[in-house]
Amino acid sequence: MSQDTDSIRLLHKLVAAAAGTGKPIGTDIECTDYDWNVPCHYSRTQLPRLAELGKAMAEGIARVLGGHLGRDIQLTADAPEQRFGCRLAEQLRSAADYRLVLRSEDTPCGVLSIRPLNIVTWVDCLLGGQPRDDVEIELSELEADLLADAVGVLVKAVSDASTQAGGRAIGPAGNVARRAVDLPGEPNAEWCVFGFRTAGESDVPGISLALGCDVLDEIVLGRRAGKQAADPSIDARAALTEHFARVPLRAAAMAGEVELTVREVMDLEPGDVVLLPKGMEYAVELHVDGQPVLSGCAVAAVGCYGVEIVGACGESGKDAGRISPAKGKS
């Protein structure tokens, strides 16, 4: 049995014991409802790295796209959102926005979505004409080519931000068009959506970028740099352990139990010996609020009785709780 498995079993026993204490844990614990519709692929300590990546993408897009269009562009990055593929796919089935499927190392890895108003504005800038209000117009062949160039510059900025952060290069997997697209990957795959807004956009971002978590893992978890990938559940586990660590428990060392009648107890006198059903080779059990959790040997230390812990309480059976000769105490 692994050490992790033993720790989990011990934690389960302690939680069961603490449940019957009726004692308050504390009022400084922050509790929130868990939303099962939102994935938690990345922990709270990892999310700031995604936010930094989004900010770098926004700065890069504003710089290179602004230079390409010949105008100043200010972009702000929304906080990245984690989503399951099945829910993100529902949005991408709509043909309201211009979309482009992205790839990394010949594998589809994301989808870029741009609102029609941005597309019309970019094309008008490149043509030097007056801004149009009609976002439902069909682009001419020339306008489509100009749009492809502008989107290519945008994707290059996203790729540069990714590679500079230690991730993969990203490129287009097709042409940008106003259409619905199928989200690459499995329905239960996890994605991160980055939103980029220009001044005045308050409802939804004008540019959205959905990237698979398997691509972002190289940035957030540092896999490409040769580091050990972090377990996203570690932070949550540490927080739970910290909360449980403050629960008060009462521990008692139990050498054994015996059933006596009321008469037998009343007849006991000084000097009488009550025999326990356990032999000397069996361990003393440490009970926490009535639940056996650890076993050990009876010792004397600093003038007090004590229990030297030798392990978790054994499973029920013939040799459960037996002390090996090497660890026995005289």
C-alpha atoms as a PDB file:
ATOM      1  CA  MET A   1       0.000   0.000   0.000  1.00  0.00           C
ATOM      2  CA  SER A   2       1.385   3.406  -0.937  1.00  0.00           C
ATOM      3  CA  GLN A   3       2.023   6.177   1.546  1.00  0.00           C
ATOM      4  CA  ASP A   4      -0.535   8.377  -0.237  1.00  0.00           C
ATOM      5  CA  THR A   5      -3.214   5.690   0.162  1.00  0.00           C
ATOM      6  CA  ASP A   6      -2.431   5.368   3.868  1.00  0.00           C
ATOM      7  CA  SER A   7      -2.656   9.145   4.278  1.00  0.00           C
ATOM      8  CA  ILE A   8      -6.026   9.269   2.536  1.00  0.00           C
ATOM      9  CA  ARG A   9      -7.411   6.495   4.741  1.00  0.00           C
ATOM     10  CA  LEU A  10      -6.147   8.243   7.853  1.00  0.00           C
ATOM     11  CA  LEU A  11      -7.705  11.524   6.712  1.00  0.00           C
ATOM     12  CA  HIS A  12     -11.026   9.764   6.135  1.00  0.00           C
ATOM     13  CA  LYS A  13     -10.924   8.384   9.681  1.00  0.00           C
ATOM     14  CA  LEU A  14     -10.088  11.775  11.151  1.00  0.00           C
ATOM     15  CA  VAL A  15     -12.895  13.435   9.207  1.00  0.00           C
ATOM     16  CA  ALA A  16     -15.320  10.786  10.444  1.00  0.00           C
ATOM     17  CA  ALA A  17     -14.139  11.369  14.004  1.00  0.00           C
ATOM     18  CA  ALA A  18     -14.353  15.146  13.703  1.00  0.00           C
ATOM     19  CA  ALA A  19     -17.900  14.921  12.351  1.00  0.00           C
ATOM     20  CA  GLY A  20     -19.156  13.750  15.723  1.00  0.00           C
ATOM     21  CA  THR A  21     -17.455  16.350  17.881  1.00  0.00           C
ATOM     22  CA  GLY A  22     -20.031  19.080  17.399  1.00  0.00           C
ATOM     23  CA  LYS A  23     -17.234  21.628  17.809  1.00  0.00           C
ATOM     24  CA  PRO A  24     -16.962  24.608  15.458  1.00  0.00           C
ATOM     25  CA  ILE A  25     -14.076  24.630  13.003  1.00  0.00           C
ATOM     26  CA  GLY A  26     -13.831  28.418  12.855  1.00  0.00           C
ATOM     27  CA  THR A  27     -15.440  31.392  11.204  1.00  0.00           C
ATOM     28  CA  ASP A  28     -12.497  32.514   9.077  1.00  0.00           C
ATOM     29  CA  ILE A  29     -12.941  29.827   6.414  1.00  0.00           C
ATOM     30  CA  GLU A  30     -13.978  31.091   3.004  1.00  0.00           C
ATOM     31  CA  CYS A  31     -16.571  28.784   1.448  1.00  0.00           C
ATOM     32  CA  THR A  32     -18.011  28.895  -2.039  1.00  0.00           C
ATOM     33  CA  ASP A  33     -20.401  26.632  -3.930  1.00  0.00           C
ATOM     34  CA  TYR A  34     -18.696  24.408  -6.481  1.00  0.00           C
ATOM     35  CA  ASP A  35     -20.056  24.820 -10.007  1.00  0.00           C
ATOM     36  CA  TRP A  36     -19.876  21.427 -11.710  1.00  0.00           C
ATOM     37  CA  ASN A  37     -20.478  23.088 -15.093  1.00  0.00           C
ATOM     38  CA  VAL A  38     -17.134  24.908 -14.954  1.00  0.00           C
ATOM     39  CA  PRO A  39     -13.870  22.939 -15.147  1.00  0.00           C
ATOM     40  CA  CYS A  40     -11.073  23.593 -12.679  1.00  0.00           C
ATOM     41  CA  HIS A  41      -8.169  22.326 -14.741  1.00  0.00           C
ATOM     42  CA  TYR A  42      -5.984  25.074 -13.311  1.00  0.00           C
ATOM     43  CA  SER A  43      -5.768  25.957  -9.643  1.00  0.00           C
ATOM     44  CA  ARG A  44      -6.016  29.405  -8.098  1.00  0.00           C
ATOM     45  CA  THR A  45      -2.241  29.764  -7.995  1.00  0.00           C
ATOM     46  CA  GLN A  46      -1.963  28.856 -11.689  1.00  0.00           C
ATOM     47  CA  LEU A  47      -4.685  31.161 -12.992  1.00  0.00           C
ATOM     48  CA  PRO A  48      -2.498  34.289 -12.648  1.00  0.00           C
ATOM     49  CA  ARG A  49      -0.113  32.756 -15.205  1.00  0.00           C
ATOM     50  CA  LEU A  50      -2.991  32.518 -17.660  1.00  0.00           C
ATOM     51  CA  ALA A  51      -3.915  36.129 -16.913  1.00  0.00           C
ATOM     52  CA  GLU A  52      -0.316  37.174 -17.627  1.00  0.00           C
ATOM     53  CA  LEU A  53      -0.439  35.283 -20.927  1.00  0.00           C
ATOM     54  CA  GLY A  54      -3.718  37.009 -21.849  1.00  0.00           C
ATOM     55  CA  LYS A  55      -2.228  40.408 -21.065  1.00  0.00           C
ATOM     56  CA  ALA A  56       0.838  39.640 -23.206  1.00  0.00           C
ATOM     57  CA  MET A  57      -1.420  38.560 -26.079  1.00  0.00           C
ATOM     58  CA  ALA A  58      -3.482  41.748 -25.796  1.00  0.00           C
ATOM     59  CA  GLU A  59      -0.372  43.928 -25.872  1.00  0.00           C
ATOM     60  CA  GLY A  60       1.071  42.027 -28.830  1.00  0.00           C
ATOM     61  CA  ILE A  61      -2.172  42.127 -30.837  1.00  0.00           C
ATOM     62  CA  ALA A  62      -2.640  45.849 -30.194  1.00  0.00           C
ATOM     63  CA  ARG A  63       0.922  46.610 -31.241  1.00  0.00           C
ATOM     64  CA  VAL A  64       1.210  44.581 -34.458  1.00  0.00           C
ATOM     65  CA  LEU A  65      -2.402  44.923 -35.607  1.00  0.00           C
ATOM     66  CA  GLY A  66      -2.340  48.657 -34.916  1.00  0.00           C
ATOM     67  CA  GLY A  67       0.829  48.956 -36.963  1.00  0.00           C
ATOM     68  CA  HIS A  68      -0.719  46.919 -39.782  1.00  0.00           C
ATOM     69  CA  LEU A  69      -3.888  49.036 -39.862  1.00  0.00           C
ATOM     70  CA  GLY A  70      -2.069  52.319 -39.353  1.00  0.00           C
ATOM     71  CA  ARG A  71      -4.088  53.294 -36.297  1.00  0.00           C
ATOM     72  CA  ASP A  72      -3.729  53.183 -32.546  1.00  0.00           C
ATOM     73  CA  ILE A  73      -5.461  50.200 -30.925  1.00  0.00           C
ATOM     74  CA  GLN A  74      -5.994  49.748 -27.218  1.00  0.00           C
ATOM     75  CA  LEU A  75      -6.921  46.246 -26.080  1.00  0.00           C
ATOM     76  CA  THR A  76      -7.666  45.003 -22.585  1.00  0.00           C
ATOM     77  CA  ALA A  77      -7.707  41.314 -21.686  1.00  0.00           C
ATOM     78  CA  ASP A  78     -10.596  39.768 -19.775  1.00  0.00           C
ATOM     79  CA  ALA A  79      -9.861  37.232 -17.047  1.00  0.00           C
ATOM     80  CA  PRO A  80      -9.435  33.813 -18.720  1.00  0.00           C
ATOM     81  CA  GLU A  81     -12.427  31.483 -18.377  1.00  0.00           C
ATOM     82  CA  GLN A  82     -12.181  27.700 -18.117  1.00  0.00           C
ATOM     83  CA  ARG A  83     -14.849  25.810 -20.047  1.00  0.00           C
ATOM     84  CA  PHE A  84     -15.714  22.291 -21.078  1.00  0.00           C
ATOM     85  CA  GLY A  85     -15.668  21.614 -24.803  1.00  0.00           C
ATOM     86  CA  CYS A  86     -19.325  20.575 -24.925  1.00  0.00           C
ATOM     87  CA  ARG A  87     -20.443  23.991 -23.646  1.00  0.00           C
ATOM     88  CA  LEU A  88     -18.006  26.015 -25.711  1.00  0.00           C
ATOM     89  CA  ALA A  89     -19.082  24.138 -28.846  1.00  0.00           C
ATOM     90  CA  GLU A  90     -22.638  25.453 -28.439  1.00  0.00           C
ATOM     91  CA  GLN A  91     -21.402  29.012 -28.960  1.00  0.00           C
ATOM     92  CA  LEU A  92     -19.235  28.114 -31.938  1.00  0.00           C
ATOM     93  CA  ARG A  93     -22.198  26.559 -33.779  1.00  0.00           C
ATOM     94  CA  SER A  94     -23.517  30.074 -34.325  1.00  0.00           C
ATOM     95  CA  ALA A  95     -22.461  31.865 -37.522  1.00  0.00           C
ATOM     96  CA  ALA A  96     -22.651  35.328 -35.938  1.00  0.00           C
ATOM     97  CA  ASP A  97     -18.870  35.898 -35.828  1.00  0.00           C
ATOM     98  CA  TYR A  98     -15.922  35.475 -38.138  1.00  0.00           C
ATOM     99  CA  ARG A  99     -13.944  32.439 -37.067  1.00  0.00           C
ATOM    100  CA  LEU A 100     -10.631  30.777 -37.742  1.00  0.00           C
ATOM    101  CA  VAL A 101      -9.516  27.345 -36.527  1.00  0.00           C
ATOM    102  CA  LEU A 102      -5.965  27.366 -35.158  1.00  0.00           C
ATOM    103  CA  ARG A 103      -3.374  24.626 -35.159  1.00  0.00           C
ATOM    104  CA  SER A 104      -0.178  23.781 -33.369  1.00  0.00           C
ATOM    105  CA  GLU A 105       2.240  21.249 -34.834  1.00  0.00           C
ATOM    106  CA  ASP A 106      -0.369  20.247 -37.451  1.00  0.00           C
ATOM    107  CA  THR A 107      -2.965  19.534 -34.742  1.00  0.00           C
ATOM    108  CA  PRO A 108      -6.061  21.734 -34.274  1.00  0.00           C
ATOM    109  CA  CYS A 109      -5.669  23.502 -30.938  1.00  0.00           C
ATOM    110  CA  GLY A 110      -8.063  26.443 -30.834  1.00  0.00           C
ATOM    111  CA  VAL A 111     -10.578  28.779 -32.405  1.00  0.00           C
ATOM    112  CA  LEU A 112     -10.313  32.530 -32.976  1.00  0.00           C
ATOM    113  CA  SER A 113     -13.609  34.482 -33.037  1.00  0.00           C
ATOM    114  CA  ILE A 114     -13.945  38.117 -34.194  1.00  0.00           C
ATOM    115  CA  ARG A 115     -17.111  40.206 -34.139  1.00  0.00           C
ATOM    116  CA  PRO A 116     -18.287  41.494 -37.552  1.00  0.00           C
ATOM    117  CA  LEU A 117     -18.005  45.148 -36.504  1.00  0.00           C
ATOM    118  CA  ASN A 118     -14.264  44.698 -35.936  1.00  0.00           C
ATOM    119  CA  ILE A 119     -13.884  43.008 -39.319  1.00  0.00           C
ATOM    120  CA  VAL A 120     -15.633  45.847 -41.182  1.00  0.00           C
ATOM    121  CA  THR A 121     -13.594  48.438 -39.283  1.00  0.00           C
ATOM    122  CA  TRP A 122     -10.300  46.731 -40.144  1.00  0.00           C
ATOM    123  CA  VAL A 123     -11.158  46.406 -43.832  1.00  0.00           C
ATOM    124  CA  ASP A 124     -12.232  50.047 -44.035  1.00  0.00           C
ATOM    125  CA  CYS A 125      -8.937  51.105 -42.429  1.00  0.00           C
ATOM    126  CA  LEU A 126      -6.943  49.134 -44.966  1.00  0.00           C
ATOM    127  CA  LEU A 127      -8.968  50.539 -47.896  1.00  0.00           C
ATOM    128  CA  GLY A 128      -8.821  54.085 -46.543  1.00  0.00           C
ATOM    129  CA  GLY A 129     -12.568  54.555 -46.878  1.00  0.00           C
ATOM    130  CA  GLN A 130     -15.254  55.799 -44.520  1.00  0.00           C
ATOM    131  CA  PRO A 131     -16.348  53.458 -41.731  1.00  0.00           C
ATOM    132  CA  ARG A 132     -19.472  51.499 -42.616  1.00  0.00           C
ATOM    133  CA  ASP A 133     -22.345  50.827 -40.246  1.00  0.00           C
ATOM    134  CA  ASP A 134     -23.647  47.757 -42.067  1.00  0.00           C
ATOM    135  CA  VAL A 135     -21.905  44.716 -40.583  1.00  0.00           C
ATOM    136  CA  GLU A 136     -24.016  42.302 -42.659  1.00  0.00           C
ATOM    137  CA  ILE A 137     -22.321  43.088 -45.960  1.00  0.00           C
ATOM    138  CA  GLU A 138     -20.544  40.406 -47.945  1.00  0.00           C
ATOM    139  CA  LEU A 139     -16.823  41.045 -48.335  1.00  0.00           C
ATOM    140  CA  SER A 140     -15.418  41.320 -51.831  1.00  0.00           C
ATOM    141  CA  GLU A 141     -12.496  39.159 -52.899  1.00  0.00           C
ATOM    142  CA  LEU A 142     -10.101  42.055 -52.295  1.00  0.00           C
ATOM    143  CA  GLU A 143     -11.592  42.754 -48.868  1.00  0.00           C
ATOM    144  CA  ALA A 144     -11.348  39.060 -47.959  1.00  0.00           C
ATOM    145  CA  ASP A 145      -7.661  39.079 -48.882  1.00  0.00           C
ATOM    146  CA  LEU A 146      -7.050  42.196 -46.787  1.00  0.00           C
ATOM    147  CA  LEU A 147      -8.904  40.582 -43.874  1.00  0.00           C
ATOM    148  CA  ALA A 148      -6.780  37.449 -44.177  1.00  0.00           C
ATOM    149  CA  ASP A 149      -3.635  39.571 -43.916  1.00  0.00           C
ATOM    150  CA  ALA A 150      -4.908  41.376 -40.813  1.00  0.00           C
ATOM    151  CA  VAL A 151      -5.951  38.148 -39.112  1.00  0.00           C
ATOM    152  CA  GLY A 152      -2.600  36.583 -40.019  1.00  0.00           C
ATOM    153  CA  VAL A 153      -0.845  39.435 -38.197  1.00  0.00           C
ATOM    154  CA  LEU A 154      -3.129  38.892 -35.192  1.00  0.00           C
ATOM    155  CA  VAL A 155      -2.427  35.137 -35.067  1.00  0.00           C
ATOM    156  CA  LYS A 156       1.306  35.816 -35.336  1.00  0.00           C
ATOM    157  CA  ALA A 157       1.075  38.050 -32.246  1.00  0.00           C
ATOM    158  CA  VAL A 158      -0.740  35.296 -30.355  1.00  0.00           C
ATOM    159  CA  SER A 159       1.897  32.753 -31.413  1.00  0.00           C
ATOM    160  CA  ASP A 160       4.744  35.030 -30.351  1.00  0.00           C
ATOM    161  CA  ALA A 161       3.190  35.539 -26.912  1.00  0.00           C
ATOM    162  CA  SER A 162       2.787  31.768 -26.558  1.00  0.00           C
ATOM    163  CA  THR A 163       6.350  30.906 -27.534  1.00  0.00           C
ATOM    164  CA  GLN A 164       7.834  33.676 -25.404  1.00  0.00           C
ATOM    165  CA  ALA A 165       5.952  32.204 -22.426  1.00  0.00           C
ATOM    166  CA  GLY A 166       7.411  28.751 -23.105  1.00  0.00           C
ATOM    167  CA  GLY A 167       4.520  27.331 -25.139  1.00  0.00           C
ATOM    168  CA  ARG A 168       3.983  26.187 -28.685  1.00  0.00           C
ATOM    169  CA  ALA A 169       3.844  28.136 -31.909  1.00  0.00           C
ATOM    170  CA  ILE A 170       0.297  28.648 -33.167  1.00  0.00           C
ATOM    171  CA  GLY A 171      -0.868  29.141 -36.746  1.00  0.00           C
ATOM    172  CA  PRO A 172      -4.027  29.169 -38.876  1.00  0.00           C
ATOM    173  CA  ALA A 173      -5.649  25.910 -40.009  1.00  0.00           C
ATOM    174  CA  GLY A 174      -7.704  27.293 -42.899  1.00  0.00           C
ATOM    175  CA  ASN A 175      -9.248  30.628 -43.794  1.00  0.00           C
ATOM    176  CA  VAL A 176     -11.150  33.120 -41.675  1.00  0.00           C
ATOM    177  CA  ALA A 177     -14.830  33.371 -42.587  1.00  0.00           C
ATOM    178  CA  ARG A 178     -18.172  34.245 -41.064  1.00  0.00           C
ATOM    179  CA  ARG A 179     -19.321  30.761 -40.190  1.00  0.00           C
ATOM    180  CA  ALA A 180     -20.010  28.205 -37.519  1.00  0.00           C
ATOM    181  CA  VAL A 181     -17.140  25.845 -36.740  1.00  0.00           C
ATOM    182  CA  ASP A 182     -16.773  22.555 -34.926  1.00  0.00           C
ATOM    183  CA  LEU A 183     -14.618  22.647 -31.840  1.00  0.00           C
ATOM    184  CA  PRO A 184     -11.638  20.296 -32.184  1.00  0.00           C
ATOM    185  CA  GLY A 185     -11.167  17.525 -29.631  1.00  0.00           C
ATOM    186  CA  GLU A 186     -13.428  15.549 -27.346  1.00  0.00           C
ATOM    187  CA  PRO A 187     -16.638  17.031 -25.856  1.00  0.00           C
ATOM    188  CA  ASN A 188     -15.255  16.662 -22.322  1.00  0.00           C
ATOM    189  CA  ALA A 189     -11.964  18.364 -23.181  1.00  0.00           C
ATOM    190  CA  GLU A 190     -11.108  21.467 -21.175  1.00  0.00           C
ATOM    191  CA  TRP A 191     -10.490  24.846 -22.762  1.00  0.00           C
ATOM    192  CA  CYS A 192      -9.504  28.359 -21.748  1.00  0.00           C
ATOM    193  CA  VAL A 193     -11.165  31.354 -23.395  1.00  0.00           C
ATOM    194  CA  PHE A 194      -9.324  34.684 -23.619  1.00  0.00           C
ATOM    195  CA  GLY A 195     -11.369  37.795 -24.379  1.00  0.00           C
ATOM    196  CA  PHE A 196      -9.908  41.036 -25.742  1.00  0.00           C
ATOM    197  CA  ARG A 197     -11.910  44.281 -25.693  1.00  0.00           C
ATOM    198  CA  THR A 198     -11.452  47.635 -27.350  1.00  0.00           C
ATOM    199  CA  ALA A 199     -12.615  50.873 -25.760  1.00  0.00           C
ATOM    200  CA  GLY A 200     -16.390  51.058 -25.526  1.00  0.00           C
ATOM    201  CA  GLU A 201     -17.051  47.312 -25.642  1.00  0.00           C
ATOM    202  CA  SER A 202     -19.053  46.415 -22.571  1.00  0.00           C
ATOM    203  CA  ASP A 203     -21.179  43.391 -23.438  1.00  0.00           C
ATOM    204  CA  VAL A 204     -18.913  40.821 -25.084  1.00  0.00           C
ATOM    205  CA  PRO A 205     -15.281  41.099 -26.226  1.00  0.00           C
ATOM    206  CA  GLY A 206     -14.681  41.896 -29.874  1.00  0.00           C
ATOM    207  CA  ILE A 207     -11.964  39.231 -30.107  1.00  0.00           C
ATOM    208  CA  SER A 208     -12.151  35.850 -28.384  1.00  0.00           C
ATOM    209  CA  LEU A 209      -9.545  33.124 -28.396  1.00  0.00           C
ATOM    210  CA  ALA A 210     -10.236  29.572 -27.216  1.00  0.00           C
ATOM    211  CA  LEU A 211      -7.172  27.391 -26.623  1.00  0.00           C
ATOM    212  CA  GLY A 212      -7.068  23.800 -25.390  1.00  0.00           C
ATOM    213  CA  CYS A 213      -5.675  23.262 -21.914  1.00  0.00           C
ATOM    214  CA  ASP A 214      -3.326  20.594 -23.280  1.00  0.00           C
ATOM    215  CA  VAL A 215      -1.578  23.376 -25.236  1.00  0.00           C
ATOM    216  CA  LEU A 216      -1.554  25.803 -22.323  1.00  0.00           C
ATOM    217  CA  ASP A 217      -0.190  23.158 -19.919  1.00  0.00           C
ATOM    218  CA  GLU A 218       3.263  23.724 -21.370  1.00  0.00           C
ATOM    219  CA  ILE A 219       3.055  27.356 -20.264  1.00  0.00           C
ATOM    220  CA  VAL A 220       1.211  27.043 -16.972  1.00  0.00           C
ATOM    221  CA  LEU A 221       2.782  23.803 -15.741  1.00  0.00           C
ATOM    222  CA  GLY A 222       6.203  24.287 -17.298  1.00  0.00           C
ATOM    223  CA  ARG A 223       6.360  20.927 -19.062  1.00  0.00           C
ATOM    224  CA  ARG A 224       8.348  22.183 -22.020  1.00  0.00           C
ATOM    225  CA  ALA A 225      11.032  23.523 -19.691  1.00  0.00           C
ATOM    226  CA  GLY A 226      11.486  20.013 -18.285  1.00  0.00           C
ATOM    227  CA  LYS A 227       9.805  20.737 -14.967  1.00  0.00           C
ATOM    228  CA  GLN A 228       7.594  18.261 -13.223  1.00  0.00           C
ATOM    229  CA  ALA A 229       3.974  18.899 -14.126  1.00  0.00           C
ATOM    230  CA  ALA A 230       2.016  20.176 -11.167  1.00  0.00           C
ATOM    231  CA  ASP A 231      -1.122  18.416  -9.987  1.00  0.00           C
ATOM    232  CA  PRO A 232      -4.009  20.921 -10.245  1.00  0.00           C
ATOM    233  CA  SER A 233      -5.666  19.275  -7.246  1.00  0.00           C
ATOM    234  CA  ILE A 234      -2.738  19.973  -4.906  1.00  0.00           C
ATOM    235  CA  ASP A 235      -3.918  23.481  -3.977  1.00  0.00           C
ATOM    236  CA  ALA A 236      -7.450  22.302  -3.216  1.00  0.00           C
ATOM    237  CA  ARG A 237      -6.108  19.371  -1.194  1.00  0.00           C
ATOM    238  CA  ALA A 238      -3.783  21.648   0.775  1.00  0.00           C
ATOM    239  CA  ALA A 239      -6.634  24.070   1.527  1.00  0.00           C
ATOM    240  CA  LEU A 240      -8.845  21.249   2.803  1.00  0.00           C
ATOM    241  CA  THR A 241      -6.025  19.864   4.917  1.00  0.00           C
ATOM    242  CA  GLU A 242      -5.415  23.314   6.378  1.00  0.00           C
ATOM    243  CA  HIS A 243      -9.083  23.610   7.340  1.00  0.00           C
ATOM    244  CA  PHE A 244      -9.174  20.139   8.906  1.00  0.00           C
ATOM    245  CA  ALA A 245      -5.922  20.829  10.757  1.00  0.00           C
ATOM    246  CA  ARG A 246      -7.732  23.304  13.002  1.00  0.00           C
ATOM    247  CA  VAL A 247     -10.484  20.900  14.084  1.00  0.00           C
ATOM    248  CA  PRO A 248     -10.054  19.991  17.801  1.00  0.00           C
ATOM    249  CA  LEU A 249      -9.950  16.229  18.452  1.00  0.00           C
ATOM    250  CA  ARG A 250      -9.657  14.116  21.623  1.00  0.00           C
ATOM    251  CA  ALA A 251      -7.199  11.219  21.478  1.00  0.00           C
ATOM    252  CA  ALA A 252      -7.134   8.233  23.860  1.00  0.00           C
ATOM    253  CA  ALA A 253      -4.713   5.304  24.084  1.00  0.00           C
ATOM    254  CA  MET A 254      -6.623   2.018  24.283  1.00  0.00           C
ATOM    255  CA  ALA A 255      -4.823  -1.143  25.433  1.00  0.00           C
ATOM    256  CA  GLY A 256      -7.997  -3.163  25.032  1.00  0.00           C
ATOM    257  CA  GLU A 257     -11.624  -3.486  26.053  1.00  0.00           C
ATOM    258  CA  VAL A 258     -13.439  -6.084  28.130  1.00  0.00           C
ATOM    259  CA  GLU A 259     -17.107  -6.580  28.910  1.00  0.00           C
ATOM    260  CA  LEU A 260     -17.999  -6.807  32.626  1.00  0.00           C
ATOM    261  CA  THR A 261     -21.275  -7.050  34.441  1.00  0.00           C
ATOM    262  CA  VAL A 262     -22.344  -4.494  37.012  1.00  0.00           C
ATOM    263  CA  ARG A 263     -21.753  -7.083  39.764  1.00  0.00           C
ATOM    264  CA  GLU A 264     -18.204  -7.805  38.540  1.00  0.00           C
ATOM    265  CA  VAL A 265     -17.346  -4.119  38.532  1.00  0.00           C
ATOM    266  CA  MET A 266     -18.777  -3.620  42.027  1.00  0.00           C
ATOM    267  CA  ASP A 267     -16.752  -6.593  43.328  1.00  0.00           C
ATOM    268  CA  LEU A 268     -13.426  -5.189  42.109  1.00  0.00           C
ATOM    269  CA  GLU A 269     -10.972  -4.324  44.922  1.00  0.00           C
ATOM    270  CA  PRO A 270      -7.458  -2.901  45.048  1.00  0.00           C
ATOM    271  CA  GLY A 271      -5.018  -5.540  43.848  1.00  0.00           C
ATOM    272  CA  ASP A 272      -7.467  -7.272  41.526  1.00  0.00           C
ATOM    273  CA  VAL A 273      -6.357  -7.721  37.898  1.00  0.00           C
ATOM    274  CA  VAL A 274      -8.718  -7.305  34.964  1.00  0.00           C
ATOM    275  CA  LEU A 275      -7.519  -9.379  32.032  1.00  0.00           C
ATOM    276  CA  LEU A 276      -7.879  -7.860  28.593  1.00  0.00           C
ATOM    277  CA  PRO A 277      -8.630  -9.988  25.517  1.00  0.00           C
ATOM    278  CA  LYS A 278      -5.478  -8.805  23.720  1.00  0.00           C
ATOM    279  CA  GLY A 279      -2.062 -10.351  24.213  1.00  0.00           C
ATOM    280  CA  MET A 280       1.110  -8.450  25.084  1.00  0.00           C
ATOM    281  CA  GLU A 281       2.262  -8.722  21.485  1.00  0.00           C
ATOM    282  CA  TYR A 282      -0.606  -6.533  20.290  1.00  0.00           C
ATOM    283  CA  ALA A 283      -0.257  -2.781  19.864  1.00  0.00           C
ATOM    284  CA  VAL A 284      -1.914  -0.042  21.838  1.00  0.00           C
ATOM    285  CA  GLU A 285      -4.513   1.725  19.699  1.00  0.00           C
ATOM    286  CA  LEU A 286      -4.778   5.487  19.533  1.00  0.00           C
ATOM    287  CA  HIS A 287      -8.474   6.418  19.243  1.00  0.00           C
ATOM    288  CA  VAL A 288      -9.636   9.815  18.057  1.00  0.00           C
ATOM    289  CA  ASP A 289     -13.162  10.532  19.251  1.00  0.00           C
ATOM    290  CA  GLY A 290     -13.841   6.827  19.430  1.00  0.00           C
ATOM    291  CA  GLN A 291     -12.349   5.952  16.047  1.00  0.00           C
ATOM    292  CA  PRO A 292      -9.149   3.798  15.962  1.00  0.00           C
ATOM    293  CA  VAL A 293      -6.697   5.576  13.689  1.00  0.00           C
ATOM    294  CA  LEU A 294      -3.124   4.688  14.734  1.00  0.00           C
ATOM    295  CA  SER A 295      -1.344   1.918  16.607  1.00  0.00           C
ATOM    296  CA  GLY A 296       1.818   1.927  18.684  1.00  0.00           C
ATOM    297  CA  CYS A 297       3.742   0.724  21.698  1.00  0.00           C
ATOM    298  CA  ALA A 298       3.268   1.882  25.278  1.00  0.00           C
ATOM    299  CA  VAL A 299       6.326   3.826  26.476  1.00  0.00           C
ATOM    300  CA  ALA A 300       7.351   6.095  29.321  1.00  0.00           C
ATOM    301  CA  ALA A 301       8.708   9.530  28.419  1.00  0.00           C
ATOM    302  CA  VAL A 302       9.447  12.600  30.571  1.00  0.00           C
ATOM    303  CA  GLY A 303       7.720  11.000  33.481  1.00  0.00           C
ATOM    304  CA  CYS A 304       4.511  10.331  31.551  1.00  0.00           C
ATOM    305  CA  TYR A 305       2.979   7.392  29.785  1.00  0.00           C
ATOM    306  CA  GLY A 306       3.042   7.653  26.023  1.00  0.00           C
ATOM    307  CA  VAL A 307       2.451   5.809  22.788  1.00  0.00           C
ATOM    308  CA  GLU A 308       5.190   5.411  20.220  1.00  0.00           C
ATOM    309  CA  ILE A 309       3.371   5.318  16.876  1.00  0.00           C
ATOM    310  CA  VAL A 310       4.271   2.385  14.637  1.00  0.00           C
ATOM    311  CA  GLY A 311       1.634   2.777  11.939  1.00  0.00           C
ATOM    312  CA  ALA A 312      -2.018   2.958  11.026  1.00  0.00           C
ATOM    313  CA  CYS A 313      -4.462   0.600  12.703  1.00  0.00           C
ATOM    314  CA  GLY A 314      -4.444  -2.683  10.791  1.00  0.00           C
ATOM    315  CA  GLU A 315      -7.386  -4.110   8.941  1.00  0.00           C
ATOM    316  CA  SER A 316      -9.582  -6.512  10.849  1.00  0.00           C
ATOM    317  CA  GLY A 317      -8.111  -9.999  10.825  1.00  0.00           C
ATOM    318  CA  LYS A 318      -6.136 -12.574  12.749  1.00  0.00           C
ATOM    319  CA  ASP A 319      -2.913 -10.554  12.970  1.00  0.00           C
ATOM    320  CA  ALA A 320      -4.430  -7.050  12.995  1.00  0.00           C
ATOM    321  CA  GLY A 321      -2.470  -4.703  15.242  1.00  0.00           C
ATOM    322  CA  ARG A 322       0.269  -7.228  16.103  1.00  0.00           C
ATOM    323  CA  ILE A 323       3.687  -5.704  16.893  1.00  0.00           C
ATOM    324  CA  SER A 324       6.698  -7.242  15.191  1.00  0.00           C
ATOM    325  CA  PRO A 325       9.461  -8.456  17.546  1.00  0.00           C
ATOM    326  CA  ALA A 326      11.843  -5.807  16.221  1.00  0.00           C
ATOM    327  CA  LYS A 327       9.505  -3.014  17.300  1.00  0.00           C
ATOM    328  CA  GLY A 328       8.133  -4.480  20.498  1.00  0.00           C
ATOM    329  CA  LYS A 329       8.825  -2.809  23.849  1.00  0.00           C
ATOM    330  CA  SER A 330       9.719  -4.655  27.023  1.00  0.00           C
END
